[in-house]
Amino acid sequence: MNVLAIGCHPDDLEIGCAGTLAKYVKLGHKVTMCHVANGNLGHAVIEMDELREIRTKEAEEAAAVIGADSINIDVGDMCVDAGDQNALHEMIRVIRDTKPDVIITHNPDDYMRDHMETSQLAYNASFGSSVPHLVREAPPHGKIVPIYYMDTLAGVGFIPTEYVDITNEIEQKLEALNCHQSQIKWMKDHDKIDFLDFVRTCSKYRGLQASVPYAEGFRQYLGWPRLTTQRLLP
């Protein structure tokens, strides 16, 4: 099975679903991690061009920890727009290249606009990838792909309908997240937040709900023709 995870910034997928992605890889599935925004505004000291390069490299290192491929759409922070035709066509190309059986992305209602626009972009492009007259140089994907929404930051406002046990993957998830040192160190120094502990705690909380030590929560998009009788989460 081919799995495409579409996050907004470098580190969003590590926060929301890296344990699940690692589990997919262990089961022999092909995983691609795609981030839409390049993270160039994610620091108050490092300048934008330098930070863009740093965060792209961090995303590649994190994907390697999981055993996934990394793709960067390279939209500037605070500029993600689901109605942007260039971004839409680029995401259609990603979907047609990776041929996913399932897409994981942000919840449509999240704490910042870039995340919500990424969710809508993934939704729009997953439909657009089946339209032959869009992006003609790439053959259309043969189906409109099921979508699962990953947890929000700290789980605020998100009620999972499905859980994935990541007890055996929690350390790998945190190792991947720890690759994003431009964020981890900045949050500890500037905001006094131990973000690795933050994410571990959220995973433990979802685990308590699912009666396992650690879990990640998801919600399936329930719209035709994306429903299936298959169990698509590992």
Protein backbone atom coordinates (compact mmCIF):
# COMPACT_ATOMS: atom_id res chain seq x y z
CA MET A 1 0.00 0.00 0.00
CA ASN A 2 1.13 3.56 -0.73
CA VAL A 3 0.64 6.10 2.05
CA LEU A 4 0.83 9.86 1.50
CA ALA A 5 0.99 12.13 4.54
CA ILE A 6 0.45 15.82 3.74
CA GLY A 7 1.46 18.25 6.46
CA CYS A 8 1.80 21.99 6.46
CA HIS A 9 5.18 22.75 8.04
CA PRO A 10 8.25 20.60 8.55
CA ASP A 11 7.56 18.83 11.91
CA ASP A 12 3.73 18.84 11.68
CA LEU A 13 3.60 15.23 10.49
CA GLU A 14 6.10 14.16 13.12
CA ILE A 15 3.84 15.68 15.77
CA GLY A 16 0.57 14.31 14.46
CA CYS A 17 1.19 10.93 12.87
CA ALA A 18 4.87 9.88 12.80
CA GLY A 19 4.21 6.82 14.97
CA THR A 20 1.58 5.62 12.53
CA LEU A 21 3.83 6.34 9.55
CA ALA A 22 6.66 4.38 11.17
CA LYS A 23 4.27 1.51 11.76
CA TYR A 24 3.23 1.54 8.09
CA VAL A 25 6.90 1.29 7.09
CA LYS A 26 7.48 -1.64 9.46
CA LEU A 27 4.56 -3.43 7.82
CA GLY A 28 6.18 -3.02 4.40
CA HIS A 29 4.14 -0.11 3.05
CA LYS A 30 5.57 2.79 1.04
CA VAL A 31 5.31 6.11 2.92
CA THR A 32 5.80 9.62 1.54
CA MET A 33 5.86 12.68 3.80
CA CYS A 34 4.96 15.90 1.98
CA HIS A 35 5.08 19.32 3.62
CA VAL A 36 3.48 22.26 1.87
CA ALA A 37 5.02 25.24 3.68
CA ASN A 38 8.79 25.55 3.96
CA GLY A 39 8.86 26.82 7.55
CA ASN A 40 10.73 30.01 6.71
CA LEU A 41 8.97 32.08 9.40
CA GLY A 42 9.40 29.58 12.21
CA HIS A 43 12.09 31.47 14.13
CA ALA A 44 12.63 35.00 15.41
CA VAL A 45 16.41 35.07 14.95
CA ILE A 46 17.33 32.88 11.96
CA GLU A 47 16.62 34.68 8.68
CA MET A 48 14.03 33.28 6.28
CA ASP A 49 16.24 31.94 3.48
CA GLU A 50 18.61 30.23 5.89
CA LEU A 51 15.74 28.80 7.93
CA ARG A 52 14.05 27.45 4.80
CA GLU A 53 17.16 25.44 4.00
CA ILE A 54 17.59 24.26 7.59
CA ARG A 55 14.01 23.10 7.93
CA THR A 56 14.03 21.29 4.59
CA LYS A 57 17.10 19.36 5.71
CA GLU A 58 15.53 18.61 9.09
CA ALA A 59 12.43 17.22 7.35
CA GLU A 60 14.58 14.95 5.19
CA GLU A 61 16.46 13.69 8.25
CA ALA A 62 13.21 13.03 10.11
CA ALA A 63 11.73 11.13 7.17
CA ALA A 64 14.88 8.98 7.05
CA VAL A 65 14.38 8.06 10.72
CA ILE A 66 10.92 6.79 9.86
CA GLY A 67 11.98 5.19 6.58
CA ALA A 68 9.84 7.51 4.44
CA ASP A 69 10.46 9.76 1.45
CA SER A 70 10.31 13.53 1.91
CA ILE A 71 8.76 16.05 -0.51
CA ASN A 72 8.69 19.84 -0.13
CA ILE A 73 6.10 21.91 -2.03
CA ASP A 74 8.05 25.00 -0.85
CA VAL A 75 5.29 27.54 -0.19
CA GLY A 76 6.26 30.34 2.20
CA ASP A 77 4.80 30.36 5.70
CA MET A 78 1.49 32.23 6.01
CA CYS A 79 1.06 31.95 2.24
CA VAL A 80 -0.61 28.53 1.95
CA ASP A 81 -3.79 28.95 -0.09
CA ALA A 82 -5.95 26.05 -1.21
CA GLY A 83 -7.16 28.23 -4.09
CA ASP A 84 -3.65 28.81 -5.45
CA GLN A 85 -3.59 27.01 -8.80
CA ASN A 86 0.19 26.53 -8.75
CA ALA A 87 0.06 24.83 -5.36
CA LEU A 88 -2.96 22.77 -6.44
CA HIS A 89 -1.20 21.55 -9.59
CA GLU A 90 1.97 20.76 -7.67
CA MET A 91 0.01 18.71 -5.14
CA ILE A 92 -1.80 16.92 -7.95
CA ARG A 93 1.61 15.98 -9.35
CA VAL A 94 2.65 14.62 -5.93
CA ILE A 95 -0.50 12.52 -5.68
CA ARG A 96 -0.12 11.17 -9.20
CA ASP A 97 3.56 10.37 -8.61
CA THR A 98 3.00 8.62 -5.27
CA LYS A 99 -0.32 6.93 -6.21
CA PRO A 100 -1.58 6.79 -2.63
CA ASP A 101 -4.13 4.32 -1.32
CA VAL A 102 -4.71 6.60 1.67
CA ILE A 103 -3.93 10.23 2.52
CA ILE A 104 -3.35 11.58 6.02
CA THR A 105 -3.52 15.33 6.55
CA HIS A 106 -4.54 18.09 8.97
CA ASN A 107 -7.95 18.40 10.51
CA PRO A 108 -9.96 21.05 8.60
CA ASP A 109 -10.45 22.99 11.86
CA ASP A 110 -7.03 23.69 13.36
CA TYR A 111 -5.22 26.42 15.26
CA MET A 112 -3.81 28.34 12.28
CA ARG A 113 -4.78 29.21 8.73
CA ASP A 114 -1.83 27.46 7.02
CA HIS A 115 -2.90 24.14 8.55
CA MET A 116 -6.53 24.56 7.50
CA GLU A 117 -5.55 25.60 3.99
CA THR A 118 -3.25 22.56 3.72
CA SER A 119 -6.14 20.30 4.69
CA GLN A 120 -8.33 21.84 2.00
CA LEU A 121 -5.49 21.71 -0.54
CA ALA A 122 -5.03 17.99 0.10
CA TYR A 123 -8.76 17.46 -0.30
CA ASN A 124 -8.97 19.49 -3.51
CA ALA A 125 -5.88 17.92 -5.07
CA SER A 126 -6.95 14.38 -4.21
CA PHE A 127 -10.09 14.95 -6.26
CA GLY A 128 -8.25 16.92 -8.95
CA SER A 129 -5.73 14.11 -9.39
CA SER A 130 -8.50 12.04 -11.00
CA VAL A 131 -9.38 14.74 -13.56
CA PRO A 132 -7.60 14.01 -16.88
CA HIS A 133 -7.57 17.60 -18.18
CA LEU A 134 -5.75 18.94 -15.11
CA VAL A 135 -1.93 18.74 -15.21
CA ARG A 136 -1.97 16.83 -18.49
CA GLU A 137 1.70 15.80 -18.39
CA ALA A 138 1.00 13.39 -15.51
CA PRO A 139 -1.49 10.52 -16.02
CA PRO A 140 -4.53 10.85 -13.72
CA HIS A 141 -4.71 8.82 -10.53
CA GLY A 142 -7.30 6.11 -10.91
CA LYS A 143 -9.32 6.80 -7.77
CA ILE A 144 -10.39 9.50 -5.35
CA VAL A 145 -8.38 8.60 -2.26
CA PRO A 146 -9.74 8.09 1.27
CA ILE A 147 -8.59 10.79 3.70
CA TYR A 148 -7.83 10.56 7.42
CA TYR A 149 -7.37 13.68 9.52
CA MET A 150 -4.63 13.57 12.15
CA ASP A 151 -4.85 15.03 15.64
CA THR A 152 -4.71 18.75 16.35
CA LEU A 153 -1.94 20.22 18.48
CA ALA A 154 -2.58 19.13 22.08
CA GLY A 155 -5.75 17.41 20.84
CA VAL A 156 -7.80 20.58 21.26
CA GLY A 157 -11.27 20.24 19.71
CA PHE A 158 -10.46 16.87 18.13
CA ILE A 159 -12.40 13.69 18.96
CA PRO A 160 -10.78 10.66 17.29
CA THR A 161 -12.94 7.98 15.73
CA GLU A 162 -9.98 5.62 15.21
CA TYR A 163 -6.76 5.00 17.07
CA VAL A 164 -3.40 3.49 16.13
CA ASP A 165 -1.32 1.82 18.84
CA ILE A 166 2.16 3.38 18.59
CA THR A 167 3.59 1.92 21.79
CA ASN A 168 6.41 0.25 19.85
CA GLU A 169 6.96 3.37 17.72
CA ILE A 170 6.85 6.17 20.32
CA GLU A 171 10.64 6.47 20.63
CA GLN A 172 11.04 6.47 16.85
CA LYS A 173 8.36 9.18 16.61
CA LEU A 174 10.23 11.33 19.11
CA GLU A 175 13.56 10.67 17.43
CA ALA A 176 12.09 11.92 14.15
CA LEU A 177 10.64 14.97 15.88
CA ASN A 178 13.97 15.67 17.54
CA CYS A 179 15.51 16.12 14.08
CA HIS A 180 13.73 19.48 13.98
CA GLN A 181 16.22 21.17 16.26
CA SER A 182 15.53 24.64 14.85
CA GLN A 183 12.11 24.30 16.49
CA ILE A 184 12.82 22.08 19.50
CA LYS A 185 15.69 24.22 20.79
CA TRP A 186 13.92 27.51 20.04
CA MET A 187 10.79 26.48 21.92
CA LYS A 188 12.80 25.36 24.94
CA ASP A 189 14.99 28.47 25.02
CA HIS A 190 12.36 31.06 24.10
CA ASP A 191 9.03 29.60 25.25
CA LYS A 192 10.27 27.28 28.02
CA ILE A 193 8.39 24.37 26.41
CA ASP A 194 9.91 20.88 26.33
CA PHE A 195 8.22 19.95 23.07
CA LEU A 196 9.38 16.33 23.06
CA ASP A 197 7.74 15.85 26.46
CA PHE A 198 4.68 17.75 25.16
CA VAL A 199 4.23 15.32 22.25
CA ARG A 200 4.96 12.25 24.39
CA THR A 201 2.27 13.39 26.84
CA CYS A 202 -0.29 13.86 24.05
CA SER A 203 0.49 10.37 22.72
CA LYS A 204 0.09 8.94 26.22
CA TYR A 205 -3.26 10.71 26.59
CA ARG A 206 -4.55 9.17 23.37
CA GLY A 207 -3.14 5.85 24.56
CA LEU A 208 -5.18 6.08 27.76
CA GLN A 209 -8.30 6.55 25.65
CA ALA A 210 -7.48 3.47 23.58
CA SER A 211 -6.24 1.32 26.54
CA VAL A 212 -2.64 1.14 25.31
CA PRO A 213 0.49 2.96 26.54
CA TYR A 214 0.74 5.28 23.51
CA ALA A 215 -1.54 5.99 20.56
CA GLU A 216 -2.34 8.46 17.81
CA GLY A 217 -5.91 9.47 17.03
CA PHE A 218 -7.52 9.99 13.63
CA ARG A 219 -10.84 10.91 12.09
CA GLN A 220 -11.91 9.64 8.67
CA TYR A 221 -13.47 11.96 6.12
CA LEU A 222 -16.92 10.50 5.56
CA GLY A 223 -17.88 11.53 2.05
CA TRP A 224 -18.59 9.64 -1.14
CA PRO A 225 -16.71 8.16 -2.95
CA ARG A 226 -13.92 7.93 -0.38
CA LEU A 227 -15.41 5.27 1.89
CA THR A 228 -14.08 1.74 1.85
CA THR A 229 -14.50 -1.60 3.61
CA GLN A 230 -10.71 -1.83 4.03
CA ARG A 231 -8.90 -1.09 7.27
CA LEU A 232 -6.46 1.52 5.99
CA LEU A 233 -4.83 2.54 9.26
CA PRO A 234 -2.22 0.08 10.57
